[in-house]
Amino acid sequence: MSFDVAFRHQQALDPSALITIGTTLHALSKAMEDCRNAGLDAETDPAVVMLARHFSSVCATRPDETQLRASCMTRINDLRRSPVLATLAVRGVSYDEPAKALFHNEGLKAMRRLAKVMGLASGTYDVRSNKGGIAVSGEITLHAEQFYIQLSLGLCGMDKEVLFRTCRGRTDYTGGRNHFAGVNDLLDTDRFASRLVHELQLDIALPDRAEPLFA
């Protein structure tokens, strides 16, 4: 019994309906899937090769390579100036292991940076990461003697990715009333440190480098 179909050959012979990169890519992907199902080599299948060549026609009206390369370099520079955590907070990391690993790596850095700005001594706080299952972002936590901060995505909505509250030591996991902030607040470290001290009424004297947000 053959599992092959004729449709990909028909599309390859008349690709006039494939006028965008997306539709062409979809047709090519389906053609390669048909080859796999039929036990054929997609690298030599005539329909697959013709559909792949059709990309040149679809891209013929796009900017030339020099312009595209310049646009890529500009985009790279823009992205390097944008905090990765802020980007991940918008796009999410569920079912995306590389993005999730990056989220936890950058989240741990942000928490350690906050601990340093707040002048917390080594051994007086914990920074930990729990990745959870594939459908969730997991959380990154900074747990000090007086306060508890947790970063996660998707649980409370945009601009509420950071939960913070008072606690009574590092064995207190319930603590006081929940407060919320966004990822961008956490990334503005000096300002967020001042906010923590003010809103949670912490008995912490911030180092001089921390911005005095509140009088």
C-alpha atoms as a PDB file:
ATOM      1  CA  MET A   1       0.000   0.000   0.000  1.00  0.00           C
ATOM      2  CA  SER A   2       1.374   3.433  -0.960  1.00  0.00           C
ATOM      3  CA  PHE A   3       1.040   6.404   1.389  1.00  0.00           C
ATOM      4  CA  ASP A   4       2.077   8.873  -1.286  1.00  0.00           C
ATOM      5  CA  VAL A   5      -0.266  11.583  -2.650  1.00  0.00           C
ATOM      6  CA  ALA A   6      -0.268  13.631  -5.845  1.00  0.00           C
ATOM      7  CA  PHE A   7      -1.133  17.005  -4.311  1.00  0.00           C
ATOM      8  CA  ARG A   8       2.418  18.224  -3.755  1.00  0.00           C
ATOM      9  CA  HIS A   9       3.268  17.520  -7.422  1.00  0.00           C
ATOM     10  CA  GLN A  10       0.220  19.485  -8.543  1.00  0.00           C
ATOM     11  CA  GLN A  11       1.250  22.449  -6.342  1.00  0.00           C
ATOM     12  CA  ALA A  12       4.793  22.281  -7.657  1.00  0.00           C
ATOM     13  CA  LEU A  13       3.588  22.360 -11.271  1.00  0.00           C
ATOM     14  CA  ASP A  14       1.273  25.329 -10.602  1.00  0.00           C
ATOM     15  CA  PRO A  15       2.467  27.323  -7.537  1.00  0.00           C
ATOM     16  CA  SER A  16       0.569  30.479  -8.585  1.00  0.00           C
ATOM     17  CA  ALA A  17      -1.496  30.403  -5.368  1.00  0.00           C
ATOM     18  CA  LEU A  18       1.673  30.473  -3.252  1.00  0.00           C
ATOM     19  CA  ILE A  19       2.368  34.199  -3.170  1.00  0.00           C
ATOM     20  CA  THR A  20       3.747  34.686   0.364  1.00  0.00           C
ATOM     21  CA  ILE A  21       6.648  33.238   2.314  1.00  0.00           C
ATOM     22  CA  GLY A  22       4.206  31.753   4.807  1.00  0.00           C
ATOM     23  CA  THR A  23       2.056  29.898   2.273  1.00  0.00           C
ATOM     24  CA  THR A  24       5.103  28.645   0.389  1.00  0.00           C
ATOM     25  CA  LEU A  25       6.734  27.433   3.591  1.00  0.00           C
ATOM     26  CA  HIS A  26       3.541  25.660   4.591  1.00  0.00           C
ATOM     27  CA  ALA A  27       3.311  23.922   1.214  1.00  0.00           C
ATOM     28  CA  LEU A  28       6.961  22.904   1.371  1.00  0.00           C
ATOM     29  CA  SER A  29       6.601  21.565   4.908  1.00  0.00           C
ATOM     30  CA  LYS A  30       3.531  19.530   3.946  1.00  0.00           C
ATOM     31  CA  ALA A  31       5.313  18.191   0.854  1.00  0.00           C
ATOM     32  CA  MET A  32       8.249  17.029   2.985  1.00  0.00           C
ATOM     33  CA  GLU A  33       5.810  15.442   5.432  1.00  0.00           C
ATOM     34  CA  ASP A  34       4.189  13.558   2.547  1.00  0.00           C
ATOM     35  CA  CYS A  35       7.618  12.256   1.549  1.00  0.00           C
ATOM     36  CA  ARG A  36       8.316  11.032   5.061  1.00  0.00           C
ATOM     37  CA  ASN A  37       4.945   9.284   5.213  1.00  0.00           C
ATOM     38  CA  ALA A  38       5.637   7.600   1.879  1.00  0.00           C
ATOM     39  CA  GLY A  39       9.195   6.641   2.810  1.00  0.00           C
ATOM     40  CA  LEU A  40      10.674   8.874   0.083  1.00  0.00           C
ATOM     41  CA  ASP A  41      13.771  11.071   0.165  1.00  0.00           C
ATOM     42  CA  ALA A  42      12.546  14.678   0.407  1.00  0.00           C
ATOM     43  CA  GLU A  43      15.970  15.955  -0.664  1.00  0.00           C
ATOM     44  CA  THR A  44      15.529  14.480  -4.144  1.00  0.00           C
ATOM     45  CA  ASP A  45      11.743  14.585  -4.517  1.00  0.00           C
ATOM     46  CA  PRO A  46      11.016  16.714  -7.635  1.00  0.00           C
ATOM     47  CA  ALA A  47       7.984  18.423  -6.124  1.00  0.00           C
ATOM     48  CA  VAL A  48       9.877  19.401  -2.961  1.00  0.00           C
ATOM     49  CA  VAL A  49      12.778  20.784  -5.008  1.00  0.00           C
ATOM     50  CA  MET A  50      10.430  22.814  -7.232  1.00  0.00           C
ATOM     51  CA  LEU A  51       8.545  24.210  -4.241  1.00  0.00           C
ATOM     52  CA  ALA A  52      11.842  25.184  -2.611  1.00  0.00           C
ATOM     53  CA  ARG A  53      12.900  26.973  -5.787  1.00  0.00           C
ATOM     54  CA  HIS A  54       9.583  28.841  -5.777  1.00  0.00           C
ATOM     55  CA  PHE A  55      10.865  30.838  -2.783  1.00  0.00           C
ATOM     56  CA  SER A  56      13.081  32.823  -5.174  1.00  0.00           C
ATOM     57  CA  SER A  57       9.997  33.991  -7.068  1.00  0.00           C
ATOM     58  CA  VAL A  58       8.151  34.894  -3.873  1.00  0.00           C
ATOM     59  CA  CYS A  59      11.140  36.905  -2.603  1.00  0.00           C
ATOM     60  CA  ALA A  60      11.902  38.600  -5.915  1.00  0.00           C
ATOM     61  CA  THR A  61      10.069  41.792  -4.913  1.00  0.00           C
ATOM     62  CA  ARG A  62      11.677  42.004  -1.471  1.00  0.00           C
ATOM     63  CA  PRO A  63      14.603  44.357  -0.721  1.00  0.00           C
ATOM     64  CA  ASP A  64      18.013  43.246  -1.995  1.00  0.00           C
ATOM     65  CA  GLU A  65      20.506  41.395   0.193  1.00  0.00           C
ATOM     66  CA  THR A  66      22.473  44.528   1.112  1.00  0.00           C
ATOM     67  CA  GLN A  67      19.361  46.177   2.525  1.00  0.00           C
ATOM     68  CA  LEU A  68      18.277  43.010   4.311  1.00  0.00           C
ATOM     69  CA  ARG A  69      21.697  42.542   5.906  1.00  0.00           C
ATOM     70  CA  ALA A  70      21.666  46.159   7.109  1.00  0.00           C
ATOM     71  CA  SER A  71      18.179  45.671   8.558  1.00  0.00           C
ATOM     72  CA  CYS A  72      19.289  42.510  10.360  1.00  0.00           C
ATOM     73  CA  MET A  73      22.279  44.299  11.900  1.00  0.00           C
ATOM     74  CA  THR A  74      20.073  47.186  13.020  1.00  0.00           C
ATOM     75  CA  ARG A  75      17.603  44.760  14.574  1.00  0.00           C
ATOM     76  CA  ILE A  76      20.397  42.903  16.380  1.00  0.00           C
ATOM     77  CA  ASN A  77      21.679  46.159  17.864  1.00  0.00           C
ATOM     78  CA  ASP A  78      18.164  47.150  18.948  1.00  0.00           C
ATOM     79  CA  LEU A  79      17.581  43.779  20.598  1.00  0.00           C
ATOM     80  CA  ARG A  80      20.892  43.917  22.427  1.00  0.00           C
ATOM     81  CA  ARG A  81      19.780  47.185  23.996  1.00  0.00           C
ATOM     82  CA  SER A  82      16.447  45.666  25.045  1.00  0.00           C
ATOM     83  CA  PRO A  83      16.369  43.606  28.267  1.00  0.00           C
ATOM     84  CA  VAL A  84      15.803  39.943  27.453  1.00  0.00           C
ATOM     85  CA  LEU A  85      13.468  39.484  30.426  1.00  0.00           C
ATOM     86  CA  ALA A  86      11.141  42.198  29.143  1.00  0.00           C
ATOM     87  CA  THR A  87      10.975  40.503  25.739  1.00  0.00           C
ATOM     88  CA  LEU A  88      10.330  37.073  27.249  1.00  0.00           C
ATOM     89  CA  ALA A  89       7.587  38.493  29.455  1.00  0.00           C
ATOM     90  CA  VAL A  90       5.698  39.555  26.315  1.00  0.00           C
ATOM     91  CA  ARG A  91       6.277  36.454  24.176  1.00  0.00           C
ATOM     92  CA  GLY A  92       6.110  33.869  26.968  1.00  0.00           C
ATOM     93  CA  VAL A  93       8.249  30.766  27.458  1.00  0.00           C
ATOM     94  CA  SER A  94       5.703  27.947  27.767  1.00  0.00           C
ATOM     95  CA  TYR A  95       6.542  24.882  25.646  1.00  0.00           C
ATOM     96  CA  ASP A  96       9.818  26.567  24.611  1.00  0.00           C
ATOM     97  CA  GLU A  97      12.711  25.049  26.550  1.00  0.00           C
ATOM     98  CA  PRO A  98      15.499  27.336  25.202  1.00  0.00           C
ATOM     99  CA  ALA A  99      13.426  30.453  25.991  1.00  0.00           C
ATOM    100  CA  LYS A 100      12.580  29.067  29.414  1.00  0.00           C
ATOM    101  CA  ALA A 101      16.234  28.353  30.201  1.00  0.00           C
ATOM    102  CA  LEU A 102      17.105  31.927  29.165  1.00  0.00           C
ATOM    103  CA  PHE A 103      14.272  33.289  31.321  1.00  0.00           C
ATOM    104  CA  HIS A 104      15.593  31.503  34.406  1.00  0.00           C
ATOM    105  CA  ASN A 105      19.197  32.471  33.704  1.00  0.00           C
ATOM    106  CA  GLU A 106      18.322  36.151  33.289  1.00  0.00           C
ATOM    107  CA  GLY A 107      15.870  36.041  36.206  1.00  0.00           C
ATOM    108  CA  LEU A 108      18.550  34.728  38.559  1.00  0.00           C
ATOM    109  CA  LYS A 109      20.883  37.514  37.425  1.00  0.00           C
ATOM    110  CA  ALA A 110      18.177  40.127  38.077  1.00  0.00           C
ATOM    111  CA  MET A 111      17.522  38.793  41.593  1.00  0.00           C
ATOM    112  CA  ARG A 112      21.215  38.685  42.483  1.00  0.00           C
ATOM    113  CA  ARG A 113      21.625  42.222  41.156  1.00  0.00           C
ATOM    114  CA  LEU A 114      18.723  43.392  43.331  1.00  0.00           C
ATOM    115  CA  ALA A 115      20.205  41.685  46.400  1.00  0.00           C
ATOM    116  CA  LYS A 116      23.499  43.486  45.749  1.00  0.00           C
ATOM    117  CA  VAL A 117      21.828  46.885  45.288  1.00  0.00           C
ATOM    118  CA  MET A 118      19.937  46.394  48.542  1.00  0.00           C
ATOM    119  CA  GLY A 119      23.184  45.666  50.348  1.00  0.00           C
ATOM    120  CA  LEU A 120      22.183  42.179  51.501  1.00  0.00           C
ATOM    121  CA  ALA A 121      25.094  40.339  53.057  1.00  0.00           C
ATOM    122  CA  SER A 122      26.077  36.900  51.790  1.00  0.00           C
ATOM    123  CA  GLY A 123      24.315  34.190  53.767  1.00  0.00           C
ATOM    124  CA  THR A 124      21.330  36.388  54.661  1.00  0.00           C
ATOM    125  CA  TYR A 125      19.262  35.562  51.574  1.00  0.00           C
ATOM    126  CA  ASP A 126      18.550  32.784  49.082  1.00  0.00           C
ATOM    127  CA  VAL A 127      18.113  33.029  45.315  1.00  0.00           C
ATOM    128  CA  ARG A 128      16.499  29.958  43.803  1.00  0.00           C
ATOM    129  CA  SER A 129      14.844  28.780  40.603  1.00  0.00           C
ATOM    130  CA  ASN A 130      12.012  26.306  40.071  1.00  0.00           C
ATOM    131  CA  LYS A 131      11.337  25.543  36.393  1.00  0.00           C
ATOM    132  CA  GLY A 132       8.119  23.592  36.886  1.00  0.00           C
ATOM    133  CA  GLY A 133       6.454  21.785  33.958  1.00  0.00           C
ATOM    134  CA  ILE A 134       6.625  22.567  30.245  1.00  0.00           C
ATOM    135  CA  ALA A 135       3.341  24.509  30.260  1.00  0.00           C
ATOM    136  CA  VAL A 136       4.499  27.124  32.791  1.00  0.00           C
ATOM    137  CA  SER A 137       7.381  29.542  33.135  1.00  0.00           C
ATOM    138  CA  GLY A 138       8.317  28.395  36.613  1.00  0.00           C
ATOM    139  CA  GLU A 139       9.551  30.983  39.071  1.00  0.00           C
ATOM    140  CA  ILE A 140      12.721  32.672  40.299  1.00  0.00           C
ATOM    141  CA  THR A 141      12.743  33.708  43.941  1.00  0.00           C
ATOM    142  CA  LEU A 142      14.763  36.040  46.141  1.00  0.00           C
ATOM    143  CA  HIS A 143      14.045  35.170  49.776  1.00  0.00           C
ATOM    144  CA  ALA A 144      15.621  37.378  52.439  1.00  0.00           C
ATOM    145  CA  GLU A 145      15.007  37.694  56.175  1.00  0.00           C
ATOM    146  CA  GLN A 146      12.467  40.522  55.822  1.00  0.00           C
ATOM    147  CA  PHE A 147      11.030  40.082  52.336  1.00  0.00           C
ATOM    148  CA  TYR A 148      10.240  37.609  49.590  1.00  0.00           C
ATOM    149  CA  ILE A 149      10.202  38.309  45.819  1.00  0.00           C
ATOM    150  CA  GLN A 150       9.088  35.919  43.091  1.00  0.00           C
ATOM    151  CA  LEU A 151       9.249  36.361  39.312  1.00  0.00           C
ATOM    152  CA  SER A 152       6.988  34.287  37.042  1.00  0.00           C
ATOM    153  CA  LEU A 153       5.082  34.740  33.779  1.00  0.00           C
ATOM    154  CA  GLY A 154       1.416  34.352  32.957  1.00  0.00           C
ATOM    155  CA  LEU A 155      -0.038  33.707  36.398  1.00  0.00           C
ATOM    156  CA  CYS A 156      -1.297  37.206  37.229  1.00  0.00           C
ATOM    157  CA  GLY A 157      -1.122  38.904  33.817  1.00  0.00           C
ATOM    158  CA  MET A 158       1.039  41.570  32.216  1.00  0.00           C
ATOM    159  CA  ASP A 159       2.805  44.034  34.507  1.00  0.00           C
ATOM    160  CA  LYS A 160       2.212  41.711  37.465  1.00  0.00           C
ATOM    161  CA  GLU A 161       5.035  39.257  36.847  1.00  0.00           C
ATOM    162  CA  VAL A 162       6.791  40.172  40.104  1.00  0.00           C
ATOM    163  CA  LEU A 163       5.184  39.295  43.437  1.00  0.00           C
ATOM    164  CA  PHE A 164       6.718  40.741  46.597  1.00  0.00           C
ATOM    165  CA  ARG A 165       5.755  40.703  50.278  1.00  0.00           C
ATOM    166  CA  THR A 166       7.161  40.792  53.783  1.00  0.00           C
ATOM    167  CA  CYS A 167       8.187  37.625  55.595  1.00  0.00           C
ATOM    168  CA  ARG A 168       9.571  36.537  58.960  1.00  0.00           C
ATOM    169  CA  GLY A 169      12.746  34.780  57.995  1.00  0.00           C
ATOM    170  CA  ARG A 170      13.670  32.380  55.231  1.00  0.00           C
ATOM    171  CA  THR A 171      11.390  29.609  56.456  1.00  0.00           C
ATOM    172  CA  ASP A 172       8.284  31.801  56.083  1.00  0.00           C
ATOM    173  CA  TYR A 173       6.735  31.042  52.688  1.00  0.00           C
ATOM    174  CA  THR A 174       3.388  32.806  53.194  1.00  0.00           C
ATOM    175  CA  GLY A 175       4.382  36.162  54.635  1.00  0.00           C
ATOM    176  CA  GLY A 176       2.389  39.362  54.502  1.00  0.00           C
ATOM    177  CA  ARG A 177       0.069  40.918  51.932  1.00  0.00           C
ATOM    178  CA  ASN A 178       0.986  40.388  48.278  1.00  0.00           C
ATOM    179  CA  HIS A 179       2.208  43.318  46.198  1.00  0.00           C
ATOM    180  CA  PHE A 180       2.803  43.198  42.446  1.00  0.00           C
ATOM    181  CA  ALA A 181       5.097  44.854  39.925  1.00  0.00           C
ATOM    182  CA  GLY A 182       6.113  44.355  36.303  1.00  0.00           C
ATOM    183  CA  VAL A 183       9.300  42.935  34.840  1.00  0.00           C
ATOM    184  CA  ASN A 184      10.408  46.415  33.768  1.00  0.00           C
ATOM    185  CA  ASP A 185      10.089  47.567  37.380  1.00  0.00           C
ATOM    186  CA  LEU A 186      12.405  44.778  38.506  1.00  0.00           C
ATOM    187  CA  LEU A 187      14.925  45.674  35.811  1.00  0.00           C
ATOM    188  CA  ASP A 188      15.093  49.278  37.050  1.00  0.00           C
ATOM    189  CA  THR A 189      16.992  47.922  40.032  1.00  0.00           C
ATOM    190  CA  ASP A 190      17.792  51.023  42.083  1.00  0.00           C
ATOM    191  CA  ARG A 191      14.266  52.374  41.757  1.00  0.00           C
ATOM    192  CA  PHE A 192      12.705  49.013  42.586  1.00  0.00           C
ATOM    193  CA  ALA A 193      14.917  48.644  45.676  1.00  0.00           C
ATOM    194  CA  SER A 194      13.601  51.974  46.958  1.00  0.00           C
ATOM    195  CA  ARG A 195      10.051  50.886  46.220  1.00  0.00           C
ATOM    196  CA  LEU A 196      10.502  47.659  48.184  1.00  0.00           C
ATOM    197  CA  VAL A 197      11.776  49.485  51.230  1.00  0.00           C
ATOM    198  CA  HIS A 198       8.954  52.029  51.051  1.00  0.00           C
ATOM    199  CA  GLU A 199       5.987  49.751  50.296  1.00  0.00           C
ATOM    200  CA  LEU A 200       7.023  46.920  52.598  1.00  0.00           C
ATOM    201  CA  GLN A 201       8.352  49.300  55.286  1.00  0.00           C
ATOM    202  CA  LEU A 202      11.572  47.334  55.523  1.00  0.00           C
ATOM    203  CA  ASP A 203      14.195  48.037  58.139  1.00  0.00           C
ATOM    204  CA  ILE A 204      16.900  48.320  55.487  1.00  0.00           C
ATOM    205  CA  ALA A 205      19.183  51.282  54.848  1.00  0.00           C
ATOM    206  CA  LEU A 206      19.923  51.267  51.142  1.00  0.00           C
ATOM    207  CA  PRO A 207      23.494  51.953  49.982  1.00  0.00           C
ATOM    208  CA  ASP A 208      24.083  55.436  48.554  1.00  0.00           C
ATOM    209  CA  ARG A 209      23.984  54.149  44.968  1.00  0.00           C
ATOM    210  CA  ALA A 210      20.307  53.162  45.263  1.00  0.00           C
ATOM    211  CA  GLU A 211      18.039  55.892  43.894  1.00  0.00           C
ATOM    212  CA  PRO A 212      15.986  57.611  46.643  1.00  0.00           C
ATOM    213  CA  LEU A 213      12.600  57.210  44.974  1.00  0.00           C
ATOM    214  CA  PHE A 214      10.535  58.244  47.996  1.00  0.00           C
ATOM    215  CA  ALA A 215      11.139  61.030  50.449  1.00  0.00           C
END
